Amino acid sequence: MIDIILYISIAITGGVILIGIPQILYGLLGVLPPRVYKEAKNKYKYACIICARNEKDVIAQLIESIKKQDYPTELLDIFVVADNCTDNTADIARAAGAIVYERNNPDLRGKCYALQFIFDIIHSKYTEKNYKGYFYFDADNLLSHNYITEMNKAVDAGELIINSHRAPKNYDNWVSAGAGLMFLQQCRLVHSPRSKLNCSTYIAGTGFYTDAEIIRKQGGWPYTSMTEDVEFSHAKVLEGYKIAFCYNAIFYDDQANTIKDTINQRARWVKGGYQCCSKFLLKHLKNMPHSFASYDLLFLLLPIPIITFSWGIISTVASLLIGIFSSYGFLHALVLVGIQGAAIYIAAWIVALVVTILEWKNIKASTFKKILYTFTFPANMMLYLPAVYVALGNVKWKSIKRTQKDINQLEDQKIKP
C-alpha cells in the first residue's frame, strides 16, 4: 500500500511538473533584471475606470493618486461607478474630481456588470473623447506617481493589453503580508519573465490596461464569472492577443488582514477558476497545437490546488493508518510525513526569501517585518487549503476592511530599519 501511495504521488507530481515546466523556467529567469520599455514618443488620452461599492474610506485617496501623476492631467479622465452603494462613495468621488455614475441593480451585482454599465455610457456619451484605452483600478488601490507614464511607454510600444506591477499597500501582519508577497511573487517570477520572453501573461484583478478598440469590438465587458479578469485573459489569449506586463508601472493594493477575510476572498478566486476551467479547458486543449500560450495558461486554468491538497490529505492519513496497523511502523510513517511537510515549508520559504530580496524596495515595511514574514509565508499559502473546498459551494462576494493610506505615506515614508 505504501508503494501504491508513493506511485500515485509520483504520478501527480510528474503531471504538475509537466504542466508547470514553463513556470519553473520563469522562476529562474525572474532573478534577472525586468524588461524596461523605451521612452514614449506619443502621449495618449486615457480613461481610468473604478468600480466601487461602499468604498467611502479609500476612494478619495485613489483619485488623489491619479491626479498626482506626472502625466498631463488633461489626458486623463476618471470614471467612478458607485455600484449599489449604501454610503456616500459617490459624493466623495465627485468632490475628489471624478466623473461619477451611480448604478442601482441589486439583482445583478459585481464588477462585471458595473464595467458593462460604464462602457455603455462611455460609448454613447463620450465618443468624442477618443480614448486610446482604459485603465482599471479597485477603489483601495494607490498609484505610484509615474504609473501612467510607464504604462504609456508600453502602449506606445504597441501593447494592447497590459498588466502592471502590484505591490502591497498594507504589509502589516502575517496575513496581509503573505498575500502581498504572493502578488509580488507573481509579478517578479511569473509576469516579468514572460515579458522578457515576449510571451503572454494574464490579468490579475486590478491595475491593468486594455486598448479601447478591443472593448468596442467585444461590446463592453461580457465576462461574468467570479474572476472576470481571468476569464478575460483566457478569452483574449484564445483570440490571439498577447497580454503584456509593465514592471515599472507600480500600484499599491490593499490585502485582507484577517484569516476569515482571506479565506473568503480566495474562495471567490478559486470559484472563478473552477468556472473558467469548465468554460475554457477544451478550447485551450484544441488551441495548444497552434499556441504556446494555451499550454502555458493550463497551470492557471486547471484545478491543481484542490488535486494536490486532496491527495496530500489522503496520502498523509493513509500513511499514518498503515503505520499504525502494520509492521511498517507508525513512527517511521510519521517521520516521512514530517520530512515531506518540512520540504514543502522550506521550498515555500525560499521562494518568499528570494522574492523579498528581489522586491525589497517595493515592500513598504521595516527590515524586521520583511524578514519575519518570509517565515510565515508558507502558513499563509496554506490558507488556500480551506478556500479550495469552500469554493465548491455557493460563494458570494464579501467586503473586507480597508486600510486608509494615501500615496505620500507609501512613496515618501521613512521606514525604520
Protein backbone atom coordinates (compact mmCIF):
# COMPACT_ATOMS: atom_id res chain seq x y z
CA MET A 1 0.00 0.00 0.00
CA ILE A 2 2.86 2.39 0.80
CA ASP A 3 4.26 1.68 -2.66
CA ILE A 4 0.88 2.45 -4.24
CA ILE A 5 0.68 5.76 -2.39
CA LEU A 6 4.22 6.55 -3.49
CA TYR A 7 3.49 5.75 -7.15
CA ILE A 8 0.33 7.88 -7.18
CA SER A 9 2.24 10.74 -5.53
CA ILE A 10 4.96 10.48 -8.17
CA ALA A 11 2.35 10.44 -10.95
CA ILE A 12 0.60 13.56 -9.59
CA THR A 13 3.91 15.34 -9.04
CA GLY A 14 5.07 14.40 -12.51
CA GLY A 15 1.86 15.69 -14.07
CA VAL A 16 2.11 19.01 -12.21
CA ILE A 17 5.76 19.38 -13.26
CA LEU A 18 4.91 18.60 -16.89
CA ILE A 19 2.22 21.26 -16.93
CA GLY A 20 4.39 23.63 -14.93
CA ILE A 21 7.65 23.39 -16.89
CA PRO A 22 7.27 26.97 -18.16
CA GLN A 23 6.66 28.15 -14.59
CA ILE A 24 9.97 26.64 -13.48
CA LEU A 25 11.76 28.44 -16.31
CA TYR A 26 10.03 31.71 -15.46
CA GLY A 27 11.05 31.35 -11.83
CA LEU A 28 14.71 31.00 -12.82
CA LEU A 29 14.54 33.96 -15.22
CA GLY A 30 12.79 36.07 -12.60
CA VAL A 31 16.09 36.86 -10.86
CA LEU A 32 17.24 38.75 -13.97
CA PRO A 33 16.51 42.48 -14.40
CA PRO A 34 12.94 43.04 -15.68
CA ARG A 35 12.13 44.34 -19.13
CA VAL A 36 12.02 48.13 -19.42
CA TYR A 37 10.06 49.90 -22.15
CA LYS A 38 11.67 52.75 -24.09
CA GLU A 39 10.58 56.35 -23.69
CA ALA A 40 7.29 57.02 -25.45
CA LYS A 41 7.17 59.28 -28.50
CA ASN A 42 3.46 59.94 -28.04
CA LYS A 43 1.18 60.72 -25.13
CA TYR A 44 -2.35 59.37 -25.46
CA LYS A 45 -5.66 60.20 -23.83
CA TYR A 46 -6.96 57.61 -21.36
CA ALA A 47 -9.88 56.93 -19.07
CA CYS A 48 -9.38 55.44 -15.61
CA ILE A 49 -12.28 53.24 -14.51
CA ILE A 50 -13.02 52.49 -10.86
CA CYS A 51 -15.87 50.23 -9.79
CA ALA A 52 -16.69 50.94 -6.14
CA ARG A 53 -19.22 49.54 -3.71
CA ASN A 54 -19.28 51.26 -0.31
CA GLU A 55 -15.70 52.49 -0.58
CA LYS A 56 -16.05 55.87 1.14
CA ASP A 57 -12.93 55.27 3.25
CA VAL A 58 -10.48 54.85 0.34
CA ILE A 59 -11.94 56.19 -2.90
CA ALA A 60 -10.64 59.75 -2.44
CA GLN A 61 -7.06 58.58 -1.85
CA LEU A 62 -7.04 56.63 -5.13
CA ILE A 63 -8.43 59.58 -7.10
CA GLU A 64 -5.82 61.84 -5.48
CA SER A 65 -3.02 59.48 -6.54
CA ILE A 66 -4.31 59.55 -10.13
CA LYS A 67 -4.45 63.34 -10.11
CA LYS A 68 -0.87 63.48 -8.78
CA GLN A 69 0.50 61.58 -11.78
CA ASP A 70 3.43 63.11 -13.68
CA TYR A 71 1.33 62.56 -16.82
CA PRO A 72 -0.64 65.50 -18.30
CA THR A 73 -3.89 65.77 -16.34
CA GLU A 74 -5.83 66.92 -19.41
CA LEU A 75 -5.16 63.49 -20.94
CA LEU A 76 -6.73 61.60 -18.04
CA ASP A 77 -10.41 61.24 -17.18
CA ILE A 78 -11.51 59.37 -14.06
CA PHE A 79 -14.81 57.46 -14.11
CA VAL A 80 -16.25 56.01 -10.90
CA VAL A 81 -19.18 53.60 -10.88
CA ALA A 82 -20.82 53.77 -7.45
CA ASP A 83 -22.27 50.28 -7.67
CA ASN A 84 -25.24 49.55 -5.39
CA CYS A 85 -23.73 51.75 -2.68
CA THR A 86 -25.43 52.38 0.64
CA ASP A 87 -22.89 55.00 1.74
CA ASN A 88 -21.67 58.31 0.29
CA THR A 89 -18.99 56.88 -2.01
CA ALA A 90 -20.48 58.76 -4.97
CA ASP A 91 -20.44 62.14 -3.20
CA ILE A 92 -16.85 61.69 -2.04
CA ALA A 93 -15.71 60.65 -5.52
CA ARG A 94 -17.39 63.68 -7.10
CA ALA A 95 -15.82 66.00 -4.57
CA ALA A 96 -12.42 64.46 -5.37
CA GLY A 97 -12.87 65.30 -9.05
CA ALA A 98 -14.13 62.11 -10.68
CA ILE A 99 -16.93 61.65 -13.21
CA VAL A 100 -19.40 59.60 -11.20
CA TYR A 101 -22.31 57.42 -12.26
CA GLU A 102 -24.47 55.58 -9.76
CA ARG A 103 -25.76 52.13 -10.54
CA ASN A 104 -28.57 50.51 -8.57
CA ASN A 105 -29.44 46.97 -9.57
CA PRO A 106 -29.29 44.56 -6.60
CA ASP A 107 -30.21 41.61 -8.83
CA LEU A 108 -27.01 42.00 -10.89
CA ARG A 109 -24.16 42.76 -8.53
CA GLY A 110 -20.49 42.53 -9.36
CA LYS A 111 -17.67 44.34 -11.10
CA CYS A 112 -18.52 42.72 -14.44
CA TYR A 113 -21.96 44.37 -14.51
CA ALA A 114 -20.56 47.69 -13.32
CA LEU A 115 -17.98 47.63 -16.13
CA GLN A 116 -20.64 46.90 -18.75
CA PHE A 117 -22.72 49.75 -17.29
CA ILE A 118 -19.94 52.34 -17.60
CA PHE A 119 -18.81 51.20 -21.05
CA ASP A 120 -22.37 51.60 -22.33
CA ILE A 121 -22.27 55.17 -21.04
CA ILE A 122 -18.81 55.92 -22.46
CA HIS A 123 -19.73 54.51 -25.87
CA SER A 124 -22.89 56.63 -26.01
CA LYS A 125 -21.88 59.89 -24.29
CA TYR A 126 -18.11 60.21 -24.55
CA THR A 127 -17.26 59.09 -28.09
CA GLU A 128 -15.72 62.49 -28.87
CA LYS A 129 -13.04 61.85 -26.24
CA ASN A 130 -11.38 59.23 -28.48
CA TYR A 131 -9.73 57.43 -25.60
CA LYS A 132 -6.75 55.35 -26.60
CA GLY A 133 -7.60 52.87 -23.89
CA TYR A 134 -8.78 52.23 -20.36
CA PHE A 135 -7.07 51.65 -17.02
CA TYR A 136 -8.89 49.58 -14.39
CA PHE A 137 -8.44 50.03 -10.65
CA ASP A 138 -10.08 48.85 -7.45
CA ALA A 139 -11.05 51.59 -5.02
CA ASP A 140 -8.40 50.54 -2.47
CA ASN A 141 -5.51 50.94 -4.96
CA LEU A 142 -2.93 53.73 -4.96
CA LEU A 143 -0.76 54.64 -7.98
CA SER A 144 2.92 55.48 -7.90
CA HIS A 145 3.49 59.00 -9.28
CA ASN A 146 4.80 57.75 -12.67
CA TYR A 147 2.35 54.86 -13.17
CA ILE A 148 0.56 56.25 -16.23
CA THR A 149 3.82 57.48 -17.77
CA GLU A 150 5.32 53.99 -17.54
CA MET A 151 2.19 52.31 -18.88
CA ASN A 152 2.08 54.84 -21.72
CA LYS A 153 5.54 53.63 -22.76
CA ALA A 154 4.17 50.11 -23.19
CA VAL A 155 1.13 51.42 -25.06
CA ASP A 156 3.39 53.44 -27.37
CA ALA A 157 5.39 50.27 -28.00
CA GLY A 158 2.24 48.69 -29.43
CA GLU A 159 0.91 46.68 -26.47
CA LEU A 160 -2.88 46.33 -26.40
CA ILE A 161 -3.48 44.58 -23.06
CA ILE A 162 -1.08 45.31 -20.21
CA ASN A 163 -0.78 44.05 -16.65
CA SER A 164 1.17 46.16 -14.15
CA HIS A 165 3.29 45.78 -11.01
CA ARG A 166 1.19 45.01 -7.94
CA ALA A 167 2.88 45.97 -4.66
CA PRO A 168 1.47 45.56 -1.13
CA LYS A 169 -0.20 48.56 0.46
CA ASN A 170 -0.53 47.15 3.98
CA TYR A 171 2.41 44.92 4.94
CA ASP A 172 1.08 44.99 8.50
CA ASN A 173 0.69 41.41 9.74
CA TRP A 174 1.45 37.88 8.59
CA VAL A 175 -1.90 37.60 6.79
CA SER A 176 -1.79 40.79 4.69
CA ALA A 177 1.97 40.49 4.18
CA GLY A 178 1.64 36.94 2.89
CA ALA A 179 -0.97 37.96 0.33
CA GLY A 180 1.12 40.95 -0.73
CA LEU A 181 4.18 38.74 -1.09
CA MET A 182 2.15 36.31 -3.21
CA PHE A 183 1.35 39.07 -5.72
CA LEU A 184 4.96 40.27 -5.72
CA GLN A 185 5.98 36.69 -6.48
CA GLN A 186 3.59 36.64 -9.44
CA CYS A 187 4.94 39.94 -10.74
CA ARG A 188 8.63 39.07 -10.40
CA LEU A 189 8.71 35.32 -11.06
CA VAL A 190 5.76 34.92 -13.45
CA HIS A 191 4.74 38.11 -15.28
CA SER A 192 8.20 39.70 -15.62
CA PRO A 193 9.94 36.63 -17.14
CA ARG A 194 7.05 36.18 -19.57
CA SER A 195 7.50 39.80 -20.60
CA LYS A 196 11.24 39.30 -21.20
CA LEU A 197 10.46 36.30 -23.41
CA ASN A 198 7.68 38.25 -25.18
CA CYS A 199 5.14 35.65 -24.01
CA SER A 200 1.58 36.36 -22.97
CA THR A 201 0.77 36.55 -19.28
CA TYR A 202 -2.60 37.09 -17.58
CA ILE A 203 -4.60 39.77 -15.79
CA ALA A 204 -4.84 39.53 -12.01
CA GLY A 205 -7.83 41.50 -10.79
CA THR A 206 -6.83 45.15 -10.92
CA GLY A 207 -4.19 47.55 -12.20
CA PHE A 208 -4.39 46.73 -15.90
CA TYR A 209 -4.98 48.34 -19.29
CA THR A 210 -6.95 47.47 -22.42
CA ASP A 211 -6.99 49.16 -25.80
CA ALA A 212 -10.29 50.95 -26.47
CA GLU A 213 -10.81 49.14 -29.77
CA ILE A 214 -10.80 45.76 -28.00
CA ILE A 215 -13.57 46.92 -25.69
CA ARG A 216 -15.55 48.35 -28.60
CA LYS A 217 -15.28 45.14 -30.61
CA GLN A 218 -16.43 42.94 -27.72
CA GLY A 219 -19.32 45.28 -26.91
CA GLY A 220 -18.15 46.34 -23.47
CA TRP A 221 -17.43 43.75 -20.79
CA PRO A 222 -19.17 40.41 -21.45
CA TYR A 223 -17.29 38.43 -18.76
CA THR A 224 -19.48 37.45 -15.81
CA SER A 225 -17.60 34.79 -13.82
CA MET A 226 -16.46 35.43 -10.24
CA THR A 227 -12.99 36.17 -11.65
CA GLU A 228 -13.86 38.22 -14.69
CA ASP A 229 -10.22 39.23 -15.02
CA VAL A 230 -9.03 35.65 -15.51
CA GLU A 231 -11.98 34.93 -17.81
CA PHE A 232 -10.98 37.96 -19.90
CA SER A 233 -7.38 36.69 -20.02
CA HIS A 234 -8.33 33.26 -21.35
CA ALA A 235 -10.76 34.69 -23.88
CA LYS A 236 -8.24 37.16 -25.30
CA VAL A 237 -5.38 34.62 -25.47
CA LEU A 238 -7.66 32.26 -27.39
CA GLU A 239 -8.41 35.13 -29.79
CA GLY A 240 -4.69 35.55 -30.40
CA TYR A 241 -3.94 38.58 -28.24
CA LYS A 242 -0.79 38.88 -26.15
CA ILE A 243 -1.13 40.17 -22.59
CA ALA A 244 1.96 42.23 -21.75
CA PHE A 245 3.47 43.28 -18.42
CA CYS A 246 4.94 46.63 -17.40
CA TYR A 247 7.22 46.14 -14.40
CA ASN A 248 7.95 49.84 -13.82
CA ALA A 249 4.27 50.77 -13.51
CA ILE A 250 3.74 50.20 -9.79
CA PHE A 251 0.46 50.40 -7.94
CA TYR A 252 -0.25 49.51 -4.32
CA ASP A 253 -3.03 47.10 -3.46
CA ASP A 254 -4.81 46.55 -0.14
CA GLN A 255 -4.81 42.97 1.18
CA ALA A 256 -7.17 41.22 3.56
CA ASN A 257 -5.66 41.28 7.04
CA THR A 258 -7.72 38.60 8.80
CA ILE A 259 -7.83 34.85 8.25
CA LYS A 260 -11.60 34.88 7.68
CA ASP A 261 -11.46 37.62 5.03
CA THR A 262 -8.51 35.93 3.31
CA ILE A 263 -10.27 32.58 3.05
CA ASN A 264 -13.47 34.23 1.77
CA GLN A 265 -11.52 36.21 -0.82
CA ARG A 266 -9.51 33.23 -2.01
CA ALA A 267 -12.61 31.04 -2.16
CA ARG A 268 -14.07 33.55 -4.62
CA TRP A 269 -10.87 33.46 -6.70
CA VAL A 270 -10.86 29.65 -6.70
CA LYS A 271 -14.56 29.52 -7.57
CA GLY A 272 -13.89 31.75 -10.55
CA GLY A 273 -11.05 29.44 -11.51
CA TYR A 274 -13.42 26.46 -11.50
CA GLN A 275 -15.84 28.40 -13.71
CA CYS A 276 -13.08 29.30 -16.16
CA CYS A 277 -11.82 25.72 -16.25
CA SER A 278 -15.21 24.39 -17.31
CA LYS A 279 -15.55 27.15 -19.91
CA PHE A 280 -12.08 27.19 -21.47
CA LEU A 281 -10.33 23.85 -20.89
CA LEU A 282 -11.46 22.15 -24.10
CA LYS A 283 -10.84 25.33 -26.09
CA HIS A 284 -7.27 25.59 -24.80
CA LEU A 285 -6.61 21.90 -25.48
CA LYS A 286 -7.77 22.35 -29.08
CA ASN A 287 -5.71 25.52 -29.40
CA MET A 288 -2.49 24.09 -27.91
CA PRO A 289 -1.04 22.85 -31.24
CA HIS A 290 -1.34 26.41 -32.57
CA SER A 291 -0.46 28.46 -29.49
CA PHE A 292 2.13 28.04 -26.75
CA ALA A 293 0.08 30.46 -24.62
CA SER A 294 -2.74 27.90 -24.34
CA TYR A 295 -0.32 25.31 -22.92
CA ASP A 296 1.26 27.94 -20.71
CA LEU A 297 -2.08 29.00 -19.20
CA LEU A 298 -3.05 25.43 -18.24
CA PHE A 299 -1.19 25.94 -14.96
CA LEU A 300 -3.54 28.83 -14.20
CA LEU A 301 -6.63 27.09 -15.56
CA LEU A 302 -6.54 23.57 -14.11
CA PRO A 303 -7.74 22.94 -10.52
CA ILE A 304 -4.25 21.91 -9.41
CA PRO A 305 -4.61 23.18 -5.81
CA ILE A 306 -7.60 21.02 -4.93
CA ILE A 307 -5.99 17.97 -6.57
CA THR A 308 -2.69 18.36 -4.72
CA PHE A 309 -4.30 19.36 -1.41
CA SER A 310 -6.78 16.45 -1.54
CA TRP A 311 -4.13 13.90 -2.39
CA GLY A 312 -1.82 15.31 0.27
CA ILE A 313 -4.51 14.83 2.93
CA ILE A 314 -5.48 11.36 1.70
CA SER A 315 -1.89 10.10 1.40
CA THR A 316 -0.91 11.50 4.81
CA VAL A 317 -3.86 9.91 6.61
CA ALA A 318 -3.35 6.61 4.73
CA SER A 319 0.36 6.53 5.55
CA LEU A 320 -0.29 7.10 9.25
CA LEU A 321 -3.04 4.46 9.38
CA ILE A 322 -0.81 1.96 7.60
CA GLY A 323 1.90 2.74 10.11
CA ILE A 324 -0.48 2.01 12.98
CA PHE A 325 -1.91 -1.25 11.66
CA SER A 326 1.15 -2.79 10.03
CA SER A 327 4.76 -3.64 10.71
CA TYR A 328 5.71 -0.56 8.70
CA GLY A 329 5.74 1.40 11.93
CA PHE A 330 3.78 4.50 12.92
CA LEU A 331 6.90 6.37 13.95
CA HIS A 332 8.52 5.66 10.59
CA ALA A 333 5.40 6.93 8.78
CA LEU A 334 5.25 10.00 11.00
CA VAL A 335 8.88 10.82 10.24
CA LEU A 336 8.28 10.55 6.48
CA VAL A 337 5.21 12.79 6.70
CA GLY A 338 7.24 15.27 8.74
CA ILE A 339 10.04 15.29 6.18
CA GLN A 340 7.56 15.93 3.38
CA GLY A 341 5.97 18.77 5.32
CA ALA A 342 9.35 20.30 6.12
CA ALA A 343 10.39 20.09 2.47
CA ILE A 344 7.24 21.91 1.36
CA TYR A 345 7.75 24.58 4.03
CA ILE A 346 11.41 25.14 3.10
CA ALA A 347 10.59 25.37 -0.62
CA ALA A 348 7.89 28.00 0.04
CA TRP A 349 10.19 29.92 2.41
CA ILE A 350 12.98 30.00 -0.19
CA VAL A 351 10.58 31.44 -2.76
CA ALA A 352 9.44 34.06 -0.22
CA LEU A 353 13.04 34.96 0.64
CA VAL A 354 14.10 35.30 -3.00
CA VAL A 355 11.09 37.48 -3.83
CA THR A 356 11.65 39.63 -0.75
CA ILE A 357 15.26 40.25 -1.74
CA LEU A 358 14.38 41.00 -5.38
CA GLU A 359 11.45 43.26 -4.46
CA TRP A 360 12.98 44.78 -1.32
CA LYS A 361 12.37 48.42 -2.26
CA ASN A 362 8.75 47.77 -3.19
CA ILE A 363 7.86 46.38 0.23
CA LYS A 364 6.98 49.32 2.47
CA ALA A 365 7.83 47.86 5.86
CA SER A 366 10.69 47.61 8.33
CA THR A 367 13.61 45.25 7.72
CA PHE A 368 12.42 43.13 10.65
CA LYS A 369 8.96 42.64 9.13
CA LYS A 370 10.35 41.92 5.67
CA ILE A 371 12.44 39.07 7.05
CA LEU A 372 9.87 37.84 9.57
CA TYR A 373 7.09 37.44 7.03
CA THR A 374 9.20 35.22 4.79
CA PHE A 375 8.95 32.61 7.57
CA THR A 376 5.16 32.97 7.86
CA PHE A 377 4.58 32.96 4.09
CA PRO A 378 4.22 29.14 3.85
CA ALA A 379 1.49 29.23 6.52
CA ASN A 380 -0.26 32.00 4.62
CA MET A 381 -0.30 29.90 1.46
CA MET A 382 -1.93 27.08 3.42
CA LEU A 383 -4.99 29.31 3.80
CA TYR A 384 -5.75 28.22 0.24
CA LEU A 385 -6.50 24.74 1.66
CA PRO A 386 -9.90 25.59 3.17
CA ALA A 387 -10.58 28.03 0.32
CA VAL A 388 -10.46 25.35 -2.39
CA TYR A 389 -13.18 23.37 -0.59
CA VAL A 390 -15.32 26.37 0.34
CA ALA A 391 -15.25 27.25 -3.38
CA LEU A 392 -17.12 24.01 -4.18
CA GLY A 393 -20.21 25.54 -2.59
CA ASN A 394 -22.12 28.76 -3.12
CA VAL A 395 -19.60 31.60 -2.94
CA LYS A 396 -20.59 35.26 -2.83
CA TRP A 397 -18.62 38.49 -2.88
CA LYS A 398 -17.97 39.84 0.62
CA SER A 399 -16.43 43.16 1.57
CA ILE A 400 -13.19 43.37 3.54
CA LYS A 401 -11.91 46.03 5.89
CA ARG A 402 -9.84 48.67 4.07
CA THR A 403 -6.54 50.26 5.05
CA GLN A 404 -6.60 54.04 4.93
CA LYS A 405 -3.34 55.34 3.48
CA ASP A 406 -2.51 57.91 0.85
CA ILE A 407 0.24 57.69 -1.74
CA ASN A 408 2.52 60.05 0.21
CA GLN A 409 2.60 57.61 3.13
CA LEU A 410 3.88 54.88 0.80
CA GLU A 411 6.23 56.75 -1.50
CA ASP A 412 7.63 59.29 0.95
CA GLN A 413 7.56 57.44 4.24
CA LYS A 414 10.84 56.67 6.01
CA ILE A 415 10.83 53.07 7.18
CA LYS A 416 12.88 52.37 10.28
CA PRO A 417 15.49 49.61 9.82
